[in-house]
Amino acid sequence: MLAYRHAFHAGNHADVLKHCVLQQILLYMNQKYKPYWVIDTHAGAGMYSLESEYANTKGEYHNGIARLRGRDDLDLVKACNNKGEWSLYPGSPEIIRRTIRAEDRIRLFELHPTDHDLLAEHFESDRQAKVFKGDGFAALKALLPPPTKRGVIFMDPPYEIKSDYLKVITALEEGLARFAEGVYVVWYPILTRGDHLQLVESMRGLSEKTLDVSIIVQESDERGFGIF
């Protein structure tokens, strides 16, 4: 299934939390001199217009990034826009690009044909990044461990079908077997039907070193974010 388009949800409250945490992880990785790789298994389009039909169909960004517009600590988002404007919101690939250092590398995967083309165009002249059309889960075996033996693996699948939850656990198990030193970051939705509970329990069973960050703004099918 390829019905999911993140453009409908870009900049919502879960995106804001997800990207703030992701950036903090990358800044922490930057403290050590040795280079590292960042692998984004489901990268999306890279950049999103908050003025597009997609964004305004649901208007989720109004309860997310739009509520923070008056803050003075959103330099990365501001840098993606012309002065005084607030029309673009960076996806995880752009957050990564603007946070890592010149010696670090990015590997981006996107299966949706339209989003892949947008992502490839967005990173066309970026020598640090390589963009692939495909499922990033399937590619991890070939990429791990990265040559630098340091890396962040960011997993943000759409969870269109329940098998996506199992794919996350399988990818984590295989990743840890090949690259136990890696930092694995997993996004998951918090849904009232509780599909995420088994996922979280399984992730905690894979390692004692886990951190779970979540946000719930109301008791409904809200998207949350978790980190492994």
N, C-alpha and C. Protein backbone atom coordinates (compact mmCIF):
# COMPACT_ATOMS: atom_id res chain seq x y z
N MET A 1 0.83 -1.20 0.00
CA MET A 1 0.00 0.00 0.00
C MET A 1 0.88 1.25 0.00
N LEU A 2 0.50 2.21 -0.84
CA LEU A 2 1.26 3.45 -0.91
C LEU A 2 0.32 4.65 -0.84
N ALA A 3 -0.69 4.54 0.00
CA ALA A 3 -1.67 5.62 0.10
C ALA A 3 -1.19 6.75 1.01
N TYR A 4 -0.29 6.45 1.93
CA TYR A 4 0.13 7.44 2.92
C TYR A 4 0.99 8.52 2.31
N ARG A 5 0.64 9.78 2.57
CA ARG A 5 1.46 10.92 2.17
C ARG A 5 1.66 11.79 3.41
N HIS A 6 2.89 11.98 3.79
CA HIS A 6 3.15 12.75 5.01
C HIS A 6 2.80 14.22 4.84
N ALA A 7 2.65 14.68 3.62
CA ALA A 7 2.29 16.08 3.37
C ALA A 7 1.00 16.48 4.08
N PHE A 8 0.11 15.51 4.31
CA PHE A 8 -1.14 15.81 5.01
C PHE A 8 -0.90 16.13 6.49
N HIS A 9 0.19 15.62 7.03
CA HIS A 9 0.43 15.72 8.47
C HIS A 9 1.65 16.57 8.83
N ALA A 10 2.34 17.09 7.84
CA ALA A 10 3.60 17.81 8.08
C ALA A 10 3.40 18.98 9.03
N GLY A 11 4.29 19.07 10.01
CA GLY A 11 4.26 20.18 10.95
C GLY A 11 3.27 20.04 12.08
N ASN A 12 2.62 18.87 12.21
CA ASN A 12 1.69 18.71 13.32
C ASN A 12 2.45 18.52 14.63
N HIS A 13 1.72 18.35 15.73
CA HIS A 13 2.37 18.30 17.04
C HIS A 13 3.36 17.14 17.16
N ALA A 14 3.02 16.00 16.53
CA ALA A 14 3.92 14.85 16.59
C ALA A 14 5.20 15.11 15.80
N ASP A 15 5.07 15.78 14.66
CA ASP A 15 6.25 16.14 13.87
C ASP A 15 7.19 17.04 14.68
N VAL A 16 6.62 18.01 15.35
CA VAL A 16 7.44 18.95 16.13
C VAL A 16 8.23 18.20 17.20
N LEU A 17 7.56 17.33 17.94
CA LEU A 17 8.25 16.55 18.96
C LEU A 17 9.30 15.65 18.34
N LYS A 18 8.90 14.94 17.29
CA LYS A 18 9.80 14.00 16.62
C LYS A 18 11.08 14.69 16.14
N HIS A 19 10.93 15.83 15.51
CA HIS A 19 12.08 16.50 14.93
C HIS A 19 12.94 17.21 15.97
N CYS A 20 12.32 17.67 17.04
CA CYS A 20 13.12 18.25 18.14
C CYS A 20 14.02 17.19 18.76
N VAL A 21 13.46 16.01 19.00
CA VAL A 21 14.24 14.92 19.59
C VAL A 21 15.31 14.44 18.63
N LEU A 22 14.96 14.29 17.36
CA LEU A 22 15.93 13.87 16.36
C LEU A 22 17.11 14.83 16.30
N GLN A 23 16.83 16.12 16.29
CA GLN A 23 17.91 17.10 16.22
C GLN A 23 18.80 17.02 17.45
N GLN A 24 18.22 16.82 18.63
CA GLN A 24 19.02 16.71 19.84
C GLN A 24 19.94 15.50 19.79
N ILE A 25 19.46 14.40 19.24
CA ILE A 25 20.29 13.20 19.09
C ILE A 25 21.47 13.49 18.17
N LEU A 26 21.21 14.15 17.06
CA LEU A 26 22.28 14.47 16.11
C LEU A 26 23.28 15.46 16.71
N LEU A 27 22.81 16.42 17.45
CA LEU A 27 23.73 17.36 18.11
C LEU A 27 24.62 16.63 19.11
N TYR A 28 24.06 15.64 19.77
CA TYR A 28 24.85 14.83 20.69
C TYR A 28 25.91 14.03 19.93
N MET A 29 25.53 13.46 18.79
CA MET A 29 26.48 12.73 17.96
C MET A 29 27.60 13.65 17.47
N ASN A 30 27.28 14.91 17.24
CA ASN A 30 28.27 15.87 16.74
C ASN A 30 29.37 16.17 17.76
N GLN A 31 29.14 15.84 19.01
CA GLN A 31 30.12 16.17 20.05
C GLN A 31 31.40 15.32 19.93
N LYS A 32 31.28 14.18 19.28
CA LYS A 32 32.45 13.33 19.09
C LYS A 32 33.05 13.60 17.72
N TYR A 33 34.35 13.65 17.63
CA TYR A 33 35.03 14.05 16.40
C TYR A 33 34.75 13.09 15.24
N LYS A 34 34.70 11.80 15.52
CA LYS A 34 34.59 10.81 14.45
C LYS A 34 33.29 10.96 13.66
N PRO A 35 33.37 10.88 12.33
CA PRO A 35 32.17 11.03 11.48
C PRO A 35 31.15 9.91 11.73
N TYR A 36 29.93 10.16 11.31
CA TYR A 36 28.88 9.15 11.43
C TYR A 36 27.92 9.23 10.24
N TRP A 37 27.14 8.18 10.08
CA TRP A 37 26.11 8.12 9.05
C TRP A 37 24.74 8.26 9.69
N VAL A 38 23.80 8.83 8.94
CA VAL A 38 22.40 8.83 9.33
C VAL A 38 21.62 8.14 8.22
N ILE A 39 20.88 7.10 8.57
CA ILE A 39 20.07 6.35 7.61
C ILE A 39 18.60 6.59 7.94
N ASP A 40 17.87 7.16 7.01
CA ASP A 40 16.44 7.44 7.17
C ASP A 40 15.68 6.43 6.31
N THR A 41 15.02 5.47 6.94
CA THR A 41 14.43 4.35 6.20
C THR A 41 13.16 4.71 5.44
N HIS A 42 12.47 5.76 5.86
CA HIS A 42 11.22 6.19 5.22
C HIS A 42 11.21 7.71 5.22
N ALA A 43 11.94 8.29 4.29
CA ALA A 43 12.32 9.69 4.39
C ALA A 43 11.24 10.69 4.00
N GLY A 44 10.28 10.31 3.15
CA GLY A 44 9.29 11.27 2.70
C GLY A 44 9.84 12.19 1.64
N ALA A 45 9.26 13.37 1.52
CA ALA A 45 9.62 14.30 0.45
C ALA A 45 10.76 15.24 0.81
N GLY A 46 11.07 15.37 2.09
CA GLY A 46 12.18 16.22 2.50
C GLY A 46 11.78 17.61 2.95
N MET A 47 10.88 18.25 2.20
CA MET A 47 10.41 19.58 2.54
C MET A 47 8.93 19.66 2.19
N TYR A 48 8.16 20.38 3.01
CA TYR A 48 6.71 20.43 2.82
C TYR A 48 6.21 21.87 2.85
N SER A 49 5.30 22.16 1.95
CA SER A 49 4.67 23.48 1.90
C SER A 49 3.45 23.49 2.82
N LEU A 50 3.41 24.45 3.74
CA LEU A 50 2.27 24.60 4.63
C LEU A 50 1.13 25.34 3.94
N GLU A 51 1.39 25.77 2.72
CA GLU A 51 0.35 26.45 1.94
C GLU A 51 -0.26 25.52 0.88
N SER A 52 0.18 24.27 0.84
CA SER A 52 -0.30 23.34 -0.17
C SER A 52 -1.69 22.83 0.17
N GLU A 53 -2.34 22.25 -0.82
CA GLU A 53 -3.65 21.64 -0.61
C GLU A 53 -3.57 20.49 0.37
N TYR A 54 -2.47 19.75 0.32
CA TYR A 54 -2.29 18.63 1.25
C TYR A 54 -2.31 19.12 2.69
N ALA A 55 -1.47 20.11 2.98
CA ALA A 55 -1.34 20.60 4.35
C ALA A 55 -2.64 21.20 4.87
N ASN A 56 -3.40 21.84 4.00
CA ASN A 56 -4.61 22.54 4.44
C ASN A 56 -5.86 21.68 4.37
N THR A 57 -5.73 20.46 3.83
CA THR A 57 -6.86 19.54 3.85
C THR A 57 -7.25 19.21 5.29
N LYS A 58 -6.24 18.94 6.12
CA LYS A 58 -6.50 18.64 7.52
C LYS A 58 -6.06 19.77 8.45
N GLY A 59 -5.13 20.58 7.98
CA GLY A 59 -4.68 21.72 8.78
C GLY A 59 -4.03 21.35 10.08
N GLU A 60 -3.38 20.19 10.13
CA GLU A 60 -2.81 19.72 11.39
C GLU A 60 -1.68 20.61 11.90
N TYR A 61 -1.01 21.30 11.01
CA TYR A 61 0.11 22.14 11.43
C TYR A 61 -0.34 23.32 12.29
N HIS A 62 -1.61 23.66 12.24
CA HIS A 62 -2.12 24.77 13.06
C HIS A 62 -1.99 24.45 14.55
N ASN A 63 -2.07 23.17 14.90
CA ASN A 63 -1.90 22.76 16.29
C ASN A 63 -0.50 22.22 16.56
N GLY A 64 0.41 22.49 15.64
CA GLY A 64 1.79 22.05 15.79
C GLY A 64 2.75 23.22 15.65
N ILE A 65 3.46 23.26 14.55
CA ILE A 65 4.50 24.27 14.36
C ILE A 65 3.94 25.69 14.35
N ALA A 66 2.71 25.87 13.88
CA ALA A 66 2.13 27.22 13.81
C ALA A 66 1.97 27.84 15.19
N ARG A 67 1.77 27.03 16.20
CA ARG A 67 1.60 27.54 17.56
C ARG A 67 2.91 28.01 18.17
N LEU A 68 4.03 27.68 17.52
CA LEU A 68 5.36 28.06 18.04
C LEU A 68 5.98 29.21 17.26
N ARG A 69 5.22 29.80 16.39
CA ARG A 69 5.78 30.79 15.47
C ARG A 69 6.44 31.96 16.20
N GLY A 70 5.97 32.34 17.34
CA GLY A 70 6.53 33.48 18.05
C GLY A 70 7.80 33.18 18.84
N ARG A 71 8.21 31.93 18.88
CA ARG A 71 9.40 31.57 19.65
C ARG A 71 10.67 32.01 18.93
N ASP A 72 11.73 32.20 19.71
CA ASP A 72 12.99 32.66 19.13
C ASP A 72 14.04 31.55 19.04
N ASP A 73 13.62 30.28 19.26
CA ASP A 73 14.58 29.17 19.25
C ASP A 73 14.25 28.16 18.16
N LEU A 74 13.67 28.64 17.06
CA LEU A 74 13.35 27.78 15.93
C LEU A 74 14.19 28.16 14.72
N ASP A 75 15.49 28.27 14.94
CA ASP A 75 16.39 28.75 13.89
C ASP A 75 16.36 27.87 12.65
N LEU A 76 16.28 26.57 12.82
CA LEU A 76 16.33 25.66 11.67
C LEU A 76 15.10 25.85 10.78
N VAL A 77 13.93 25.94 11.40
CA VAL A 77 12.71 26.16 10.61
C VAL A 77 12.75 27.51 9.93
N LYS A 78 13.19 28.52 10.64
CA LYS A 78 13.28 29.86 10.07
C LYS A 78 14.24 29.89 8.89
N ALA A 79 15.34 29.12 8.99
CA ALA A 79 16.34 29.11 7.93
C ALA A 79 15.80 28.49 6.64
N CYS A 80 14.76 27.68 6.75
CA CYS A 80 14.15 27.05 5.57
C CYS A 80 13.19 28.00 4.84
N ASN A 81 12.89 29.13 5.46
CA ASN A 81 11.94 30.08 4.90
C ASN A 81 12.61 31.43 4.63
N ASN A 82 12.04 32.18 3.71
CA ASN A 82 12.47 33.55 3.52
C ASN A 82 12.10 34.36 4.75
N LYS A 83 12.84 35.43 4.99
CA LYS A 83 12.63 36.23 6.18
C LYS A 83 11.18 36.71 6.26
N GLY A 84 10.60 36.47 7.41
CA GLY A 84 9.23 36.90 7.63
C GLY A 84 8.17 35.93 7.15
N GLU A 85 8.58 34.91 6.40
CA GLU A 85 7.61 33.93 5.90
C GLU A 85 7.58 32.69 6.80
N TRP A 86 6.53 31.92 6.66
CA TRP A 86 6.36 30.71 7.45
C TRP A 86 5.59 29.70 6.61
N SER A 87 6.10 29.44 5.41
CA SER A 87 5.36 28.63 4.45
C SER A 87 5.92 27.23 4.25
N LEU A 88 7.15 26.98 4.71
CA LEU A 88 7.78 25.68 4.52
C LEU A 88 8.10 25.02 5.85
N TYR A 89 7.93 23.70 5.88
CA TYR A 89 8.29 22.94 7.07
C TYR A 89 9.23 21.81 6.67
N PRO A 90 10.39 21.71 7.32
CA PRO A 90 11.37 20.67 6.96
C PRO A 90 11.00 19.31 7.49
N GLY A 91 11.11 18.29 6.62
CA GLY A 91 10.94 16.92 7.05
C GLY A 91 12.24 16.41 7.66
N SER A 92 12.26 15.16 8.08
CA SER A 92 13.45 14.62 8.75
C SER A 92 14.71 14.70 7.88
N PRO A 93 14.66 14.47 6.55
CA PRO A 93 15.90 14.60 5.77
C PRO A 93 16.52 15.98 5.84
N GLU A 94 15.67 17.01 5.83
CA GLU A 94 16.20 18.38 5.90
C GLU A 94 16.70 18.71 7.30
N ILE A 95 16.01 18.19 8.32
CA ILE A 95 16.50 18.35 9.70
C ILE A 95 17.89 17.74 9.82
N ILE A 96 18.05 16.56 9.25
CA ILE A 96 19.34 15.87 9.30
C ILE A 96 20.40 16.67 8.56
N ARG A 97 20.10 17.09 7.35
CA ARG A 97 21.08 17.81 6.53
C ARG A 97 21.58 19.08 7.22
N ARG A 98 20.68 19.79 7.87
CA ARG A 98 21.05 21.06 8.49
C ARG A 98 21.67 20.91 9.88
N THR A 99 21.75 19.66 10.38
CA THR A 99 22.28 19.44 11.72
C THR A 99 23.63 18.71 11.71
N ILE A 100 23.83 17.80 10.77
CA ILE A 100 25.09 17.05 10.74
C ILE A 100 26.22 17.94 10.25
N ARG A 101 27.44 17.42 10.32
CA ARG A 101 28.64 18.16 9.92
C ARG A 101 29.07 17.77 8.51
N ALA A 102 30.04 18.47 7.98
CA ALA A 102 30.48 18.24 6.60
C ALA A 102 31.04 16.85 6.38
N GLU A 103 31.61 16.26 7.40
CA GLU A 103 32.24 14.94 7.26
C GLU A 103 31.26 13.78 7.44
N ASP A 104 30.02 14.06 7.84
CA ASP A 104 29.02 13.03 8.06
C ASP A 104 28.26 12.74 6.76
N ARG A 105 27.53 11.62 6.74
CA ARG A 105 26.86 11.20 5.52
C ARG A 105 25.40 10.81 5.79
N ILE A 106 24.56 10.94 4.74
CA ILE A 106 23.13 10.64 4.85
C ILE A 106 22.75 9.62 3.79
N ARG A 107 21.93 8.66 4.18
CA ARG A 107 21.35 7.71 3.24
C ARG A 107 19.84 7.74 3.42
N LEU A 108 19.12 8.11 2.35
CA LEU A 108 17.69 8.35 2.42
C LEU A 108 16.93 7.37 1.54
N PHE A 109 15.86 6.78 2.08
CA PHE A 109 15.05 5.82 1.34
C PHE A 109 13.59 6.27 1.34
N GLU A 110 12.97 6.18 0.17
CA GLU A 110 11.54 6.49 0.05
C GLU A 110 10.94 5.63 -1.05
N LEU A 111 9.84 4.95 -0.71
CA LEU A 111 9.22 4.02 -1.64
C LEU A 111 8.14 4.68 -2.50
N HIS A 112 7.44 5.66 -1.95
CA HIS A 112 6.37 6.31 -2.71
C HIS A 112 6.97 7.04 -3.92
N PRO A 113 6.52 6.75 -5.13
CA PRO A 113 7.17 7.32 -6.33
C PRO A 113 7.18 8.84 -6.38
N THR A 114 6.08 9.47 -6.01
CA THR A 114 6.02 10.94 -6.05
C THR A 114 6.95 11.55 -5.02
N ASP A 115 6.88 11.04 -3.78
CA ASP A 115 7.73 11.58 -2.72
C ASP A 115 9.21 11.29 -3.00
N HIS A 116 9.49 10.13 -3.58
CA HIS A 116 10.88 9.83 -3.93
C HIS A 116 11.42 10.84 -4.93
N ASP A 117 10.64 11.16 -5.94
CA ASP A 117 11.10 12.11 -6.95
C ASP A 117 11.33 13.49 -6.35
N LEU A 118 10.43 13.90 -5.45
CA LEU A 118 10.60 15.19 -4.78
C LEU A 118 11.85 15.18 -3.90
N LEU A 119 12.06 14.08 -3.22
CA LEU A 119 13.23 13.95 -2.34
C LEU A 119 14.52 13.97 -3.15
N ALA A 120 14.55 13.22 -4.25
CA ALA A 120 15.74 13.16 -5.10
C ALA A 120 16.06 14.53 -5.68
N GLU A 121 15.05 15.26 -6.08
CA GLU A 121 15.27 16.61 -6.62
C GLU A 121 15.78 17.55 -5.54
N HIS A 122 15.23 17.40 -4.33
CA HIS A 122 15.62 18.26 -3.22
C HIS A 122 17.09 18.07 -2.84
N PHE A 123 17.61 16.83 -2.99
CA PHE A 123 18.98 16.51 -2.60
C PHE A 123 19.90 16.31 -3.81
N GLU A 124 19.47 16.76 -4.96
CA GLU A 124 20.20 16.49 -6.20
C GLU A 124 21.65 16.96 -6.15
N SER A 125 21.91 18.09 -5.57
CA SER A 125 23.26 18.65 -5.57
C SER A 125 24.00 18.44 -4.25
N ASP A 126 23.46 17.61 -3.39
CA ASP A 126 24.05 17.38 -2.07
C ASP A 126 24.99 16.17 -2.13
N ARG A 127 26.26 16.42 -2.00
CA ARG A 127 27.26 15.35 -2.09
C ARG A 127 27.32 14.50 -0.82
N GLN A 128 26.77 14.97 0.25
CA GLN A 128 26.77 14.19 1.49
C GLN A 128 25.69 13.12 1.50
N ALA A 129 24.67 13.30 0.66
CA ALA A 129 23.50 12.44 0.73
C ALA A 129 23.35 11.58 -0.52
N LYS A 130 22.78 10.40 -0.32
CA LYS A 130 22.36 9.54 -1.43
C LYS A 130 20.91 9.15 -1.20
N VAL A 131 20.12 9.26 -2.27
CA VAL A 131 18.68 8.98 -2.19
C VAL A 131 18.37 7.71 -2.97
N PHE A 132 17.61 6.82 -2.36
CA PHE A 132 17.26 5.55 -2.98
C PHE A 132 15.75 5.38 -3.01
N LYS A 133 15.25 4.78 -4.09
CA LYS A 133 13.83 4.46 -4.18
C LYS A 133 13.63 3.03 -3.69
N GLY A 134 13.04 2.89 -2.52
CA GLY A 134 12.85 1.57 -1.98
C GLY A 134 12.54 1.62 -0.50
N ASP A 135 12.31 0.45 0.07
CA ASP A 135 12.03 0.30 1.49
C ASP A 135 13.34 0.26 2.25
N GLY A 136 13.54 1.21 3.13
CA GLY A 136 14.79 1.28 3.88
C GLY A 136 15.03 0.09 4.78
N PHE A 137 13.97 -0.56 5.25
CA PHE A 137 14.14 -1.75 6.08
C PHE A 137 14.94 -2.82 5.34
N ALA A 138 14.60 -3.01 4.08
CA ALA A 138 15.25 -4.05 3.28
C ALA A 138 16.71 -3.72 2.99
N ALA A 139 17.07 -2.45 3.07
CA ALA A 139 18.42 -2.03 2.72
C ALA A 139 19.38 -2.03 3.90
N LEU A 140 18.87 -2.15 5.11
CA LEU A 140 19.73 -2.01 6.29
C LEU A 140 20.83 -3.06 6.35
N LYS A 141 20.53 -4.28 5.90
CA LYS A 141 21.54 -5.34 5.96
C LYS A 141 22.80 -4.96 5.19
N ALA A 142 22.61 -4.29 4.06
CA ALA A 142 23.75 -3.92 3.23
C ALA A 142 24.49 -2.69 3.76
N LEU A 143 23.83 -1.88 4.57
CA LEU A 143 24.42 -0.62 5.03
C LEU A 143 25.04 -0.70 6.42
N LEU A 144 24.68 -1.73 7.17
CA LEU A 144 25.17 -1.84 8.54
C LEU A 144 26.22 -2.93 8.67
N PRO A 145 27.30 -2.65 9.40
CA PRO A 145 27.59 -1.35 10.02
C PRO A 145 28.13 -0.36 8.99
N PRO A 146 27.94 0.94 9.21
CA PRO A 146 28.50 1.93 8.30
C PRO A 146 30.02 1.94 8.39
N PRO A 147 30.70 2.43 7.37
CA PRO A 147 32.17 2.41 7.36
C PRO A 147 32.81 3.10 8.56
N THR A 148 32.14 4.13 9.08
CA THR A 148 32.70 4.89 10.21
C THR A 148 32.44 4.23 11.55
N LYS A 149 31.61 3.18 11.56
CA LYS A 149 31.24 2.47 12.79
C LYS A 149 30.49 3.36 13.78
N ARG A 150 29.93 4.45 13.29
CA ARG A 150 29.04 5.31 14.08
C ARG A 150 27.82 5.61 13.22
N GLY A 151 26.63 5.57 13.82
CA GLY A 151 25.47 5.82 12.99
C GLY A 151 24.18 6.00 13.76
N VAL A 152 23.25 6.72 13.13
CA VAL A 152 21.89 6.88 13.64
C VAL A 152 20.95 6.30 12.58
N ILE A 153 20.11 5.37 12.99
CA ILE A 153 19.15 4.76 12.08
C ILE A 153 17.76 5.25 12.48
N PHE A 154 17.14 6.04 11.61
CA PHE A 154 15.86 6.68 11.89
C PHE A 154 14.76 5.96 11.15
N MET A 155 13.83 5.36 11.88
CA MET A 155 12.75 4.57 11.30
C MET A 155 11.41 5.26 11.51
N ASP A 156 10.80 5.69 10.42
CA ASP A 156 9.55 6.43 10.48
C ASP A 156 8.57 5.89 9.43
N PRO A 157 8.18 4.60 9.55
CA PRO A 157 7.29 4.00 8.55
C PRO A 157 5.87 4.54 8.69
N PRO A 158 5.04 4.36 7.67
CA PRO A 158 3.68 4.90 7.72
C PRO A 158 2.71 4.11 8.59
N TYR A 159 3.02 2.85 8.90
CA TYR A 159 2.11 1.99 9.65
C TYR A 159 0.75 1.92 8.98
N GLU A 160 0.75 1.82 7.65
CA GLU A 160 -0.50 1.68 6.91
C GLU A 160 -1.18 0.34 7.21
N ILE A 161 -0.36 -0.67 7.44
CA ILE A 161 -0.89 -2.00 7.74
C ILE A 161 -0.19 -2.52 8.99
N LYS A 162 -0.85 -3.47 9.68
CA LYS A 162 -0.33 -3.95 10.96
C LYS A 162 1.02 -4.63 10.83
N SER A 163 1.33 -5.17 9.66
CA SER A 163 2.62 -5.84 9.48
C SER A 163 3.79 -4.88 9.60
N ASP A 164 3.53 -3.58 9.49
CA ASP A 164 4.61 -2.59 9.65
C ASP A 164 5.22 -2.67 11.04
N TYR A 165 4.41 -3.00 12.04
CA TYR A 165 4.92 -3.11 13.41
C TYR A 165 5.93 -4.24 13.51
N LEU A 166 5.63 -5.37 12.89
CA LEU A 166 6.54 -6.51 12.91
C LEU A 166 7.81 -6.18 12.13
N LYS A 167 7.66 -5.44 11.04
CA LYS A 167 8.82 -5.07 10.24
C LYS A 167 9.80 -4.21 11.05
N VAL A 168 9.26 -3.36 11.91
CA VAL A 168 10.12 -2.53 12.77
C VAL A 168 10.96 -3.41 13.69
N ILE A 169 10.31 -4.36 14.35
CA ILE A 169 11.02 -5.24 15.28
C ILE A 169 12.06 -6.08 14.54
N THR A 170 11.69 -6.60 13.38
CA THR A 170 12.63 -7.40 12.60
C THR A 170 13.83 -6.57 12.19
N ALA A 171 13.58 -5.33 11.76
CA ALA A 171 14.68 -4.44 11.36
C ALA A 171 15.58 -4.12 12.54
N LEU A 172 15.00 -3.92 13.71
CA LEU A 172 15.80 -3.66 14.90
C LEU A 172 16.64 -4.86 15.29
N GLU A 173 16.03 -6.03 15.25
CA GLU A 173 16.77 -7.25 15.61
C GLU A 173 17.95 -7.46 14.67
N GLU A 174 17.72 -7.32 13.38
CA GLU A 174 18.79 -7.50 12.40
C GLU A 174 19.83 -6.40 12.52
N GLY A 175 19.36 -5.17 12.77
CA GLY A 175 20.29 -4.06 12.91
C GLY A 175 21.20 -4.22 14.11
N LEU A 176 20.63 -4.59 15.23
CA LEU A 176 21.43 -4.76 16.45
C LEU A 176 22.42 -5.90 16.30
N ALA A 177 22.04 -6.94 15.56
CA ALA A 177 22.94 -8.06 15.34
C ALA A 177 24.16 -7.64 14.52
N ARG A 178 23.97 -6.72 13.61
CA ARG A 178 25.05 -6.27 12.74
C ARG A 178 25.79 -5.06 13.30
N PHE A 179 25.05 -4.22 14.04
CA PHE A 179 25.60 -2.93 14.46
C PHE A 179 25.01 -2.56 15.82
N ALA A 180 25.51 -3.23 16.85
CA ALA A 180 24.97 -3.04 18.20
C ALA A 180 25.28 -1.65 18.75
N GLU A 181 26.30 -0.99 18.22
CA GLU A 181 26.70 0.32 18.72
C GLU A 181 25.85 1.45 18.15
N GLY A 182 24.98 1.14 17.20
CA GLY A 182 24.20 2.18 16.55
C GLY A 182 23.12 2.77 17.46
N VAL A 183 22.66 3.96 17.08
CA VAL A 183 21.55 4.62 17.76
C VAL A 183 20.32 4.43 16.88
N TYR A 184 19.31 3.74 17.39
CA TYR A 184 18.11 3.42 16.62
C TYR A 184 16.95 4.26 17.13
N VAL A 185 16.37 5.03 16.24
CA VAL A 185 15.27 5.92 16.59
C VAL A 185 14.02 5.45 15.86
N VAL A 186 12.97 5.16 16.61
CA VAL A 186 11.74 4.61 16.03
C VAL A 186 10.55 5.52 16.36
N TRP A 187 9.86 5.95 15.32
CA TRP A 187 8.60 6.67 15.51
C TRP A 187 7.47 5.66 15.47
N TYR A 188 6.47 5.87 16.34
CA TYR A 188 5.29 5.01 16.27
C TYR A 188 4.06 5.84 16.65
N PRO A 189 2.88 5.47 16.12
CA PRO A 189 1.65 6.19 16.46
C PRO A 189 1.03 5.65 17.74
N ILE A 190 0.53 6.53 18.56
CA ILE A 190 -0.22 6.13 19.76
C ILE A 190 -1.70 6.15 19.38
N LEU A 191 -2.29 4.97 19.28
CA LEU A 191 -3.68 4.84 18.85
C LEU A 191 -4.54 4.25 19.96
N THR A 192 -5.79 4.63 19.97
CA THR A 192 -6.68 4.16 21.04
C THR A 192 -6.86 2.65 21.02
N ARG A 193 -6.70 2.02 19.85
CA ARG A 193 -6.87 0.57 19.80
C ARG A 193 -5.64 -0.18 20.33
N GLY A 194 -4.56 0.56 20.61
CA GLY A 194 -3.42 -0.02 21.32
C GLY A 194 -2.45 -0.82 20.51
N ASP A 195 -2.42 -0.63 19.19
CA ASP A 195 -1.49 -1.40 18.35
C ASP A 195 -0.03 -1.18 18.75
N HIS A 196 0.25 -0.01 19.31
CA HIS A 196 1.64 0.34 19.62
C HIS A 196 2.17 -0.34 20.88
N LEU A 197 1.29 -0.86 21.73
CA LEU A 197 1.72 -1.38 23.03
C LEU A 197 2.65 -2.58 22.88
N GLN A 198 2.31 -3.51 21.99
CA GLN A 198 3.16 -4.67 21.76
C GLN A 198 4.48 -4.26 21.14
N LEU A 199 4.44 -3.25 20.27
CA LEU A 199 5.67 -2.74 19.65
C LEU A 199 6.63 -2.22 20.71
N VAL A 200 6.13 -1.39 21.60
CA VAL A 200 6.97 -0.82 22.66
C VAL A 200 7.52 -1.91 23.56
N GLU A 201 6.69 -2.86 23.93
CA GLU A 201 7.14 -3.97 24.78
C GLU A 201 8.24 -4.77 24.10
N SER A 202 8.06 -5.02 22.82
CA SER A 202 9.06 -5.80 22.07
C SER A 202 10.38 -5.03 21.96
N MET A 203 10.31 -3.72 21.74
CA MET A 203 11.53 -2.93 21.64
C MET A 203 12.29 -2.92 22.96
N ARG A 204 11.57 -2.79 24.05
CA ARG A 204 12.23 -2.80 25.35
C ARG A 204 12.87 -4.14 25.65
N GLY A 205 12.33 -5.20 25.05
CA GLY A 205 12.91 -6.52 25.24
C GLY A 205 14.20 -6.73 24.48
N LEU A 206 14.49 -5.86 23.52
CA LEU A 206 15.71 -6.00 22.73
C LEU A 206 16.93 -5.36 23.38
N SER A 207 16.70 -4.41 24.28
CA SER A 207 17.82 -3.73 24.92
C SER A 207 17.37 -3.06 26.21
N GLU A 208 18.28 -3.00 27.18
CA GLU A 208 17.98 -2.29 28.42
C GLU A 208 18.17 -0.79 28.26
N LYS A 209 18.88 -0.39 27.21
CA LYS A 209 19.16 1.04 26.99
C LYS A 209 18.10 1.62 26.06
N THR A 210 16.98 2.01 26.63
CA THR A 210 15.90 2.56 25.83
C THR A 210 15.40 3.87 26.44
N LEU A 211 14.87 4.72 25.58
CA LEU A 211 14.24 5.97 25.99
C LEU A 211 12.94 6.08 25.22
N ASP A 212 11.85 6.34 25.92
CA ASP A 212 10.54 6.45 25.29
C ASP A 212 10.02 7.87 25.50
N VAL A 213 9.81 8.58 24.41
CA VAL A 213 9.29 9.95 24.47
C VAL A 213 7.96 9.97 23.75
N SER A 214 6.91 10.47 24.39
CA SER A 214 5.60 10.46 23.74
C SER A 214 4.84 11.73 24.07
N ILE A 215 3.84 12.01 23.25
CA ILE A 215 2.97 13.16 23.47
C ILE A 215 1.55 12.77 23.12
N ILE A 216 0.62 13.13 23.98
CA ILE A 216 -0.80 12.91 23.73
C ILE A 216 -1.51 14.23 24.03
N VAL A 217 -2.18 14.78 23.05
CA VAL A 217 -2.83 16.08 23.24
C VAL A 217 -4.31 15.95 23.51
N GLN A 218 -4.90 14.80 23.19
CA GLN A 218 -6.30 14.54 23.50
C GLN A 218 -6.55 13.05 23.39
N GLU A 219 -7.62 12.58 23.95
CA GLU A 219 -7.92 11.15 23.94
C GLU A 219 -8.62 10.77 22.64
N SER A 220 -7.81 10.57 21.62
CA SER A 220 -8.33 10.14 20.32
C SER A 220 -7.19 9.49 19.57
N ASP A 221 -7.35 9.25 18.28
CA ASP A 221 -6.29 8.62 17.49
C ASP A 221 -5.21 9.63 17.18
N GLU A 222 -4.42 9.97 18.18
CA GLU A 222 -3.36 10.95 18.00
C GLU A 222 -2.04 10.25 17.71
N ARG A 223 -1.21 10.93 16.97
CA ARG A 223 0.09 10.37 16.64
C ARG A 223 1.08 10.73 17.74
N GLY A 224 1.83 9.75 18.17
CA GLY A 224 2.86 9.98 19.18
C GLY A 224 4.23 9.70 18.59
N PHE A 225 5.21 9.68 19.45
CA PHE A 225 6.56 9.42 18.96
C PHE A 225 7.33 8.67 20.01
N GLY A 226 8.02 7.65 19.61
CA GLY A 226 8.84 6.89 20.54
C GLY A 226 10.24 6.72 20.02
N ILE A 227 11.17 6.60 20.91
CA ILE A 227 12.58 6.42 20.54
C ILE A 227 13.10 5.15 21.15
N PHE A 228 13.82 4.38 20.35
CA PHE A 228 14.49 3.19 20.89
C PHE A 228 15.98 3.43 20.77
